[in-house]
Amino acid sequence: MFVSCLNIDISPREGQTFPLTKCVPWAACIQDGKGNHHTLEQAELTQQLLEQSTENPDQIDLEDAIRKMEEEQEIRIAV
C-alpha cells in the first residue's frame, strides 16, 4: 500500500523545538502480491484506516532504534 498524504506543518508554540506535523491521508494505491492494484480515494482510505486495529505487533521503539544506530561503528569507504 502506498499512501499519499497532505502534510500540514504547524508552527511550534513557545517551548516547542519542532513544528507539529499532521498527515492528512489523501489517496492510496494498493497492490497485491500478484501485481493487481486499485486506488482508494480519500473517503474510502479514511474509512479503511479507521477500521484498522490500534494494536501494532510490529511496532518499534524509535528512540531505541536511533540509539542503536548511533552506537554502531561508522563504515568508511576509501575513495
PDB file of N, CA and C in Angstrom:
ATOM      1  N   MET A   1       0.840  -1.170   0.000  1.00  0.00           N
ATOM      2  CA  MET A   1       0.000   0.000   0.000  1.00  0.00           C
ATOM      3  C   MET A   1       0.884   1.233   0.000  1.00  0.00           C
ATOM      4  N   PHE A   2       0.630   2.124  -0.926  1.00  0.00           N
ATOM      5  CA  PHE A   2       1.303   3.419  -0.969  1.00  0.00           C
ATOM      6  C   PHE A   2       0.251   4.469  -0.645  1.00  0.00           C
ATOM      7  N   VAL A   3       0.475   5.206   0.443  1.00  0.00           N
ATOM      8  CA  VAL A   3      -0.474   6.223   0.870  1.00  0.00           C
ATOM      9  C   VAL A   3       0.107   7.599   0.574  1.00  0.00           C
ATOM     10  N   SER A   4      -0.678   8.400  -0.111  1.00  0.00           N
ATOM     11  CA  SER A   4      -0.293   9.778  -0.381  1.00  0.00           C
ATOM     12  C   SER A   4      -1.001  10.659   0.646  1.00  0.00           C
ATOM     13  N   CYS A   5      -0.236  11.538   1.277  1.00  0.00           N
ATOM     14  CA  CYS A   5      -0.798  12.396   2.320  1.00  0.00           C
ATOM     15  C   CYS A   5      -0.525  13.862   2.015  1.00  0.00           C
ATOM     16  N   LEU A   6      -1.364  14.678   2.573  1.00  0.00           N
ATOM     17  CA  LEU A   6      -1.128  16.110   2.600  1.00  0.00           C
ATOM     18  C   LEU A   6      -0.533  16.378   3.972  1.00  0.00           C
ATOM     19  N   ASN A   7       0.706  16.840   4.021  1.00  0.00           N
ATOM     20  CA  ASN A   7       1.366  17.116   5.300  1.00  0.00           C
ATOM     21  C   ASN A   7       1.197  18.583   5.649  1.00  0.00           C
ATOM     22  N   ILE A   8       0.708  18.830   6.842  1.00  0.00           N
ATOM     23  CA  ILE A   8       0.467  20.182   7.313  1.00  0.00           C
ATOM     24  C   ILE A   8       1.419  20.460   8.472  1.00  0.00           C
ATOM     25  N   ASP A   9       2.274  21.464   8.328  1.00  0.00           N
ATOM     26  CA  ASP A   9       3.201  21.855   9.390  1.00  0.00           C
ATOM     27  C   ASP A   9       2.608  23.028  10.151  1.00  0.00           C
ATOM     28  N   ILE A  10       2.568  22.912  11.462  1.00  0.00           N
ATOM     29  CA  ILE A  10       2.034  23.957  12.330  1.00  0.00           C
ATOM     30  C   ILE A  10       3.204  24.529  13.115  1.00  0.00           C
ATOM     31  N   SER A  11       3.371  25.830  13.046  1.00  0.00           N
ATOM     32  CA  SER A  11       4.497  26.496  13.713  1.00  0.00           C
ATOM     33  C   SER A  11       4.563  26.095  15.188  1.00  0.00           C
ATOM     34  N   PRO A  12       5.790  25.903  15.688  1.00  0.00           N
ATOM     35  CA  PRO A  12       5.921  25.500  17.090  1.00  0.00           C
ATOM     36  C   PRO A  12       5.460  26.600  18.041  1.00  0.00           C
ATOM     37  N   ARG A  13       4.863  26.167  19.122  1.00  0.00           N
ATOM     38  CA  ARG A  13       4.488  27.090  20.190  1.00  0.00           C
ATOM     39  C   ARG A  13       5.715  27.377  21.035  1.00  0.00           C
ATOM     40  N   GLU A  14       5.619  28.342  21.874  1.00  0.00           N
ATOM     41  CA  GLU A  14       6.733  28.667  22.758  1.00  0.00           C
ATOM     42  C   GLU A  14       7.095  27.429  23.576  1.00  0.00           C
ATOM     43  N   GLY A  15       8.377  27.117  23.596  1.00  0.00           N
ATOM     44  CA  GLY A  15       8.853  25.950  24.336  1.00  0.00           C
ATOM     45  C   GLY A  15       8.934  24.687  23.505  1.00  0.00           C
ATOM     46  N   GLN A  16       8.344  24.679  22.317  1.00  0.00           N
ATOM     47  CA  GLN A  16       8.437  23.514  21.438  1.00  0.00           C
ATOM     48  C   GLN A  16       9.629  23.703  20.508  1.00  0.00           C
ATOM     49  N   THR A  17      10.374  22.637  20.292  1.00  0.00           N
ATOM     50  CA  THR A  17      11.555  22.711  19.438  1.00  0.00           C
ATOM     51  C   THR A  17      11.203  22.597  17.964  1.00  0.00           C
ATOM     52  N   PHE A  18      10.270  21.714  17.656  1.00  0.00           N
ATOM     53  CA  PHE A  18       9.932  21.437  16.264  1.00  0.00           C
ATOM     54  C   PHE A  18       8.481  21.781  15.978  1.00  0.00           C
ATOM     55  N   PRO A  19       8.181  22.049  14.701  1.00  0.00           N
ATOM     56  CA  PRO A  19       6.775  22.266  14.337  1.00  0.00           C
ATOM     57  C   PRO A  19       5.988  20.963  14.495  1.00  0.00           C
ATOM     58  N   LEU A  20       4.715  21.097  14.684  1.00  0.00           N
ATOM     59  CA  LEU A  20       3.821  19.950  14.745  1.00  0.00           C
ATOM     60  C   LEU A  20       3.439  19.618  13.305  1.00  0.00           C
ATOM     61  N   THR A  21       3.573  18.370  12.913  1.00  0.00           N
ATOM     62  CA  THR A  21       3.225  17.963  11.555  1.00  0.00           C
ATOM     63  C   THR A  21       2.035  17.024  11.609  1.00  0.00           C
ATOM     64  N   LYS A  22       1.038  17.328  10.823  1.00  0.00           N
ATOM     65  CA  LYS A  22      -0.145  16.469  10.728  1.00  0.00           C
ATOM     66  C   LYS A  22      -0.208  15.892   9.320  1.00  0.00           C
ATOM     67  N   CYS A  23      -0.499  14.613   9.247  1.00  0.00           N
ATOM     68  CA  CYS A  23      -0.614  13.913   7.962  1.00  0.00           C
ATOM     69  C   CYS A  23      -2.093  13.666   7.697  1.00  0.00           C
ATOM     70  N   VAL A  24      -2.596  14.212   6.598  1.00  0.00           N
ATOM     71  CA  VAL A  24      -3.986  14.007   6.203  1.00  0.00           C
ATOM     72  C   VAL A  24      -3.981  13.034   5.019  1.00  0.00           C
ATOM     73  N   PRO A  25      -4.470  11.793   5.217  1.00  0.00           N
ATOM     74  CA  PRO A  25      -4.492  10.827   4.112  1.00  0.00           C
ATOM     75  C   PRO A  25      -5.285  11.376   2.934  1.00  0.00           C
ATOM     76  N   TRP A  26      -4.716  11.240   1.731  1.00  0.00           N
ATOM     77  CA  TRP A  26      -5.354  11.811   0.549  1.00  0.00           C
ATOM     78  C   TRP A  26      -5.861  10.728  -0.402  1.00  0.00           C
ATOM     79  N   ALA A  27      -5.005   9.756  -0.681  1.00  0.00           N
ATOM     80  CA  ALA A  27      -5.376   8.647  -1.571  1.00  0.00           C
ATOM     81  C   ALA A  27      -4.366   7.527  -1.347  1.00  0.00           C
ATOM     82  N   ALA A  28      -4.691   6.344  -1.838  1.00  0.00           N
ATOM     83  CA  ALA A  28      -3.768   5.216  -1.691  1.00  0.00           C
ATOM     84  C   ALA A  28      -3.867   4.303  -2.904  1.00  0.00           C
ATOM     85  N   CYS A  29      -2.748   3.692  -3.228  1.00  0.00           N
ATOM     86  CA  CYS A  29      -2.701   2.662  -4.254  1.00  0.00           C
ATOM     87  C   CYS A  29      -2.363   1.358  -3.535  1.00  0.00           C
ATOM     88  N   ILE A  30      -3.197   0.367  -3.704  1.00  0.00           N
ATOM     89  CA  ILE A  30      -2.989  -0.921  -3.050  1.00  0.00           C
ATOM     90  C   ILE A  30      -2.665  -1.944  -4.121  1.00  0.00           C
ATOM     91  N   GLN A  31      -1.558  -2.675  -3.916  1.00  0.00           N
ATOM     92  CA  GLN A  31      -1.135  -3.695  -4.872  1.00  0.00           C
ATOM     93  C   GLN A  31      -0.936  -4.998  -4.120  1.00  0.00           C
ATOM     94  N   ASP A  32      -1.477  -6.085  -4.652  1.00  0.00           N
ATOM     95  CA  ASP A  32      -1.292  -7.380  -4.009  1.00  0.00           C
ATOM     96  C   ASP A  32      -0.039  -8.068  -4.555  1.00  0.00           C
ATOM     97  N   GLY A  33       0.247  -9.235  -4.049  1.00  0.00           N
ATOM     98  CA  GLY A  33       1.449  -9.971  -4.445  1.00  0.00           C
ATOM     99  C   GLY A  33       1.461 -10.423  -5.896  1.00  0.00           C
ATOM    100  N   LYS A  34       0.317 -10.398  -6.541  1.00  0.00           N
ATOM    101  CA  LYS A  34       0.229 -10.815  -7.945  1.00  0.00           C
ATOM    102  C   LYS A  34       0.295  -9.633  -8.906  1.00  0.00           C
ATOM    103  N   GLY A  35       0.437  -8.417  -8.362  1.00  0.00           N
ATOM    104  CA  GLY A  35       0.544  -7.248  -9.218  1.00  0.00           C
ATOM    105  C   GLY A  35      -0.781  -6.544  -9.490  1.00  0.00           C
ATOM    106  N   ASN A  36      -1.886  -7.115  -8.991  1.00  0.00           N
ATOM    107  CA  ASN A  36      -3.183  -6.447  -9.153  1.00  0.00           C
ATOM    108  C   ASN A  36      -3.210  -5.220  -8.241  1.00  0.00           C
ATOM    109  N   HIS A  37      -3.813  -4.141  -8.729  1.00  0.00           N
ATOM    110  CA  HIS A  37      -3.843  -2.943  -7.890  1.00  0.00           C
ATOM    111  C   HIS A  37      -5.144  -2.181  -8.069  1.00  0.00           C
ATOM    112  N   HIS A  38      -5.454  -1.383  -7.054  1.00  0.00           N
ATOM    113  CA  HIS A  38      -6.607  -0.491  -7.129  1.00  0.00           C
ATOM    114  C   HIS A  38      -6.322   0.741  -6.268  1.00  0.00           C
ATOM    115  N   THR A  39      -7.081   1.781  -6.521  1.00  0.00           N
ATOM    116  CA  THR A  39      -6.883   3.054  -5.836  1.00  0.00           C
ATOM    117  C   THR A  39      -8.026   3.304  -4.865  1.00  0.00           C
ATOM    118  N   LEU A  40      -7.678   3.842  -3.709  1.00  0.00           N
ATOM    119  CA  LEU A  40      -8.680   4.301  -2.749  1.00  0.00           C
ATOM    120  C   LEU A  40      -8.606   5.816  -2.701  1.00  0.00           C
ATOM    121  N   GLU A  41      -9.734   6.466  -2.886  1.00  0.00           N
ATOM    122  CA  GLU A  41      -9.787   7.920  -2.747  1.00  0.00           C
ATOM    123  C   GLU A  41      -9.914   8.253  -1.256  1.00  0.00           C
ATOM    124  N   GLN A  42      -9.875   9.538  -0.931  1.00  0.00           N
ATOM    125  CA  GLN A  42      -9.780   9.969   0.455  1.00  0.00           C
ATOM    126  C   GLN A  42     -10.848   9.377   1.370  1.00  0.00           C
ATOM    127  N   ALA A  43     -12.094   9.424   0.986  1.00  0.00           N
ATOM    128  CA  ALA A  43     -13.166   8.929   1.868  1.00  0.00           C
ATOM    129  C   ALA A  43     -13.008   7.430   2.146  1.00  0.00           C
ATOM    130  N   GLU A  44     -12.742   6.637   1.083  1.00  0.00           N
ATOM    131  CA  GLU A  44     -12.547   5.191   1.248  1.00  0.00           C
ATOM    132  C   GLU A  44     -11.309   4.905   2.092  1.00  0.00           C
ATOM    133  N   LEU A  45     -10.246   5.611   1.811  1.00  0.00           N
ATOM    134  CA  LEU A  45      -8.991   5.409   2.533  1.00  0.00           C
ATOM    135  C   LEU A  45      -9.173   5.718   4.014  1.00  0.00           C
ATOM    136  N   THR A  46      -9.800   6.844   4.307  1.00  0.00           N
ATOM    137  CA  THR A  46     -10.022   7.217   5.706  1.00  0.00           C
ATOM    138  C   THR A  46     -10.851   6.151   6.415  1.00  0.00           C
ATOM    139  N   GLN A  47     -11.891   5.656   5.776  1.00  0.00           N
ATOM    140  CA  GLN A  47     -12.725   4.616   6.381  1.00  0.00           C
ATOM    141  C   GLN A  47     -11.905   3.349   6.636  1.00  0.00           C
ATOM    142  N   GLN A  48     -11.103   2.947   5.660  1.00  0.00           N
ATOM    143  CA  GLN A  48     -10.264   1.750   5.829  1.00  0.00           C
ATOM    144  C   GLN A  48      -9.288   1.930   6.996  1.00  0.00           C
ATOM    145  N   LEU A  49      -8.685   3.102   7.097  1.00  0.00           N
ATOM    146  CA  LEU A  49      -7.734   3.358   8.180  1.00  0.00           C
ATOM    147  C   LEU A  49      -8.427   3.335   9.540  1.00  0.00           C
ATOM    148  N   LEU A  50      -9.612   3.890   9.621  1.00  0.00           N
ATOM    149  CA  LEU A  50     -10.353   3.910  10.887  1.00  0.00           C
ATOM    150  C   LEU A  50     -10.780   2.510  11.332  1.00  0.00           C
ATOM    151  N   GLU A  51     -10.907   1.585  10.386  1.00  0.00           N
ATOM    152  CA  GLU A  51     -11.309   0.211  10.700  1.00  0.00           C
ATOM    153  C   GLU A  51     -10.141  -0.656  11.181  1.00  0.00           C
ATOM    154  N   GLN A  52      -8.925  -0.144  11.102  1.00  0.00           N
ATOM    155  CA  GLN A  52      -7.754  -0.925  11.492  1.00  0.00           C
ATOM    156  C   GLN A  52      -7.595  -0.958  13.009  1.00  0.00           C
ATOM    157  N   SER A  53      -6.992  -2.018  13.489  1.00  0.00           N
ATOM    158  CA  SER A  53      -6.724  -2.156  14.919  1.00  0.00           C
ATOM    159  C   SER A  53      -5.698  -1.110  15.360  1.00  0.00           C
ATOM    160  N   THR A  54      -5.833  -0.657  16.578  1.00  0.00           N
ATOM    161  CA  THR A  54      -4.840   0.276  17.123  1.00  0.00           C
ATOM    162  C   THR A  54      -3.624  -0.470  17.664  1.00  0.00           C
ATOM    163  N   GLU A  55      -3.703  -1.781  17.741  1.00  0.00           N
ATOM    164  CA  GLU A  55      -2.572  -2.600  18.184  1.00  0.00           C
ATOM    165  C   GLU A  55      -1.656  -2.882  17.005  1.00  0.00           C
ATOM    166  N   ASN A  56      -0.363  -2.726  17.196  1.00  0.00           N
ATOM    167  CA  ASN A  56       0.598  -2.968  16.128  1.00  0.00           C
ATOM    168  C   ASN A  56       1.668  -3.931  16.648  1.00  0.00           C
ATOM    169  N   PRO A  57       1.587  -5.211  16.274  1.00  0.00           N
ATOM    170  CA  PRO A  57       2.565  -6.182  16.767  1.00  0.00           C
ATOM    171  C   PRO A  57       3.978  -5.926  16.223  1.00  0.00           C
ATOM    172  N   ASP A  58       4.101  -5.122  15.171  1.00  0.00           N
ATOM    173  CA  ASP A  58       5.415  -4.828  14.583  1.00  0.00           C
ATOM    174  C   ASP A  58       5.961  -3.478  15.035  1.00  0.00           C
ATOM    175  N   GLN A  59       5.300  -2.857  16.007  1.00  0.00           N
ATOM    176  CA  GLN A  59       5.720  -1.538  16.474  1.00  0.00           C
ATOM    177  C   GLN A  59       7.130  -1.597  17.044  1.00  0.00           C
ATOM    178  N   ILE A  60       7.916  -0.571  16.744  1.00  0.00           N
ATOM    179  CA  ILE A  60       9.273  -0.487  17.286  1.00  0.00           C
ATOM    180  C   ILE A  60       9.391   0.769  18.134  1.00  0.00           C
ATOM    181  N   ASP A  61      10.371   0.767  19.009  1.00  0.00           N
ATOM    182  CA  ASP A  61      10.673   1.943  19.809  1.00  0.00           C
ATOM    183  C   ASP A  61      11.660   2.774  18.995  1.00  0.00           C
ATOM    184  N   LEU A  62      11.187   3.888  18.426  1.00  0.00           N
ATOM    185  CA  LEU A  62      12.012   4.705  17.546  1.00  0.00           C
ATOM    186  C   LEU A  62      13.236   5.255  18.268  1.00  0.00           C
ATOM    187  N   GLU A  63      13.068   5.673  19.508  1.00  0.00           N
ATOM    188  CA  GLU A  63      14.206   6.207  20.273  1.00  0.00           C
ATOM    189  C   GLU A  63      15.278   5.129  20.444  1.00  0.00           C
ATOM    190  N   ASP A  64      14.865   3.905  20.735  1.00  0.00           N
ATOM    191  CA  ASP A  64      15.812   2.803  20.899  1.00  0.00           C
ATOM    192  C   ASP A  64      16.510   2.480  19.577  1.00  0.00           C
ATOM    193  N   ALA A  65      15.764   2.488  18.472  1.00  0.00           N
ATOM    194  CA  ALA A  65      16.346   2.211  17.158  1.00  0.00           C
ATOM    195  C   ALA A  65      17.391   3.266  16.793  1.00  0.00           C
ATOM    196  N   ILE A  66      17.101   4.531  17.071  1.00  0.00           N
ATOM    197  CA  ILE A  66      18.051   5.607  16.782  1.00  0.00           C
ATOM    198  C   ILE A  66      19.289   5.469  17.662  1.00  0.00           C
ATOM    199  N   ARG A  67      19.083   5.151  18.934  1.00  0.00           N
ATOM    200  CA  ARG A  67      20.213   4.968  19.855  1.00  0.00           C
ATOM    201  C   ARG A  67      21.134   3.846  19.354  1.00  0.00           C
ATOM    202  N   LYS A  68      20.550   2.736  18.900  1.00  0.00           N
ATOM    203  CA  LYS A  68      21.353   1.619  18.391  1.00  0.00           C
ATOM    204  C   LYS A  68      22.132   2.027  17.144  1.00  0.00           C
ATOM    205  N   MET A  69      21.506   2.823  16.265  1.00  0.00           N
ATOM    206  CA  MET A  69      22.199   3.284  15.053  1.00  0.00           C
ATOM    207  C   MET A  69      23.389   4.168  15.432  1.00  0.00           C
ATOM    208  N   GLU A  70      23.199   5.013  16.425  1.00  0.00           N
ATOM    209  CA  GLU A  70      24.272   5.917  16.854  1.00  0.00           C
ATOM    210  C   GLU A  70      25.445   5.149  17.463  1.00  0.00           C
ATOM    211  N   GLU A  71      25.166   4.004  18.068  1.00  0.00           N
ATOM    212  CA  GLU A  71      26.216   3.210  18.719  1.00  0.00           C
ATOM    213  C   GLU A  71      27.025   2.370  17.737  1.00  0.00           C
ATOM    214  N   GLU A  72      26.486   2.175  16.532  1.00  0.00           N
ATOM    215  CA  GLU A  72      27.184   1.359  15.537  1.00  0.00           C
ATOM    216  C   GLU A  72      28.438   2.070  15.027  1.00  0.00           C
ATOM    217  N   GLN A  73      29.449   1.270  14.749  1.00  0.00           N
ATOM    218  CA  GLN A  73      30.685   1.823  14.201  1.00  0.00           C
ATOM    219  C   GLN A  73      30.415   2.314  12.779  1.00  0.00           C
ATOM    220  N   GLU A  74      30.956   3.476  12.486  1.00  0.00           N
ATOM    221  CA  GLU A  74      30.771   4.069  11.145  1.00  0.00           C
ATOM    222  C   GLU A  74      31.497   3.243  10.109  1.00  0.00           C
ATOM    223  N   ILE A  75      30.888   3.099   8.950  1.00  0.00           N
ATOM    224  CA  ILE A  75      31.508   2.393   7.833  1.00  0.00           C
ATOM    225  C   ILE A  75      32.146   3.445   6.934  1.00  0.00           C
ATOM    226  N   ARG A  76      33.410   3.290   6.681  1.00  0.00           N
ATOM    227  CA  ARG A  76      34.133   4.249   5.836  1.00  0.00           C
ATOM    228  C   ARG A  76      34.488   3.568   4.527  1.00  0.00           C
ATOM    229  N   ILE A  77      34.309   4.293   3.444  1.00  0.00           N
ATOM    230  CA  ILE A  77      34.626   3.773   2.124  1.00  0.00           C
ATOM    231  C   ILE A  77      35.784   4.592   1.559  1.00  0.00           C
ATOM    232  N   ALA A  78      36.850   3.896   1.210  1.00  0.00           N
ATOM    233  CA  ALA A  78      38.004   4.571   0.627  1.00  0.00           C
ATOM    234  C   ALA A  78      37.677   4.979  -0.810  1.00  0.00           C
ATOM    235  N   VAL A  79      38.036   6.199  -1.139  1.00  0.00           N
ATOM    236  CA  VAL A  79      37.741   6.692  -2.478  1.00  0.00           C
ATOM    237  C   VAL A  79      38.985   6.764  -3.307  1.00  0.00           C
TER     238      VAL A  79
END
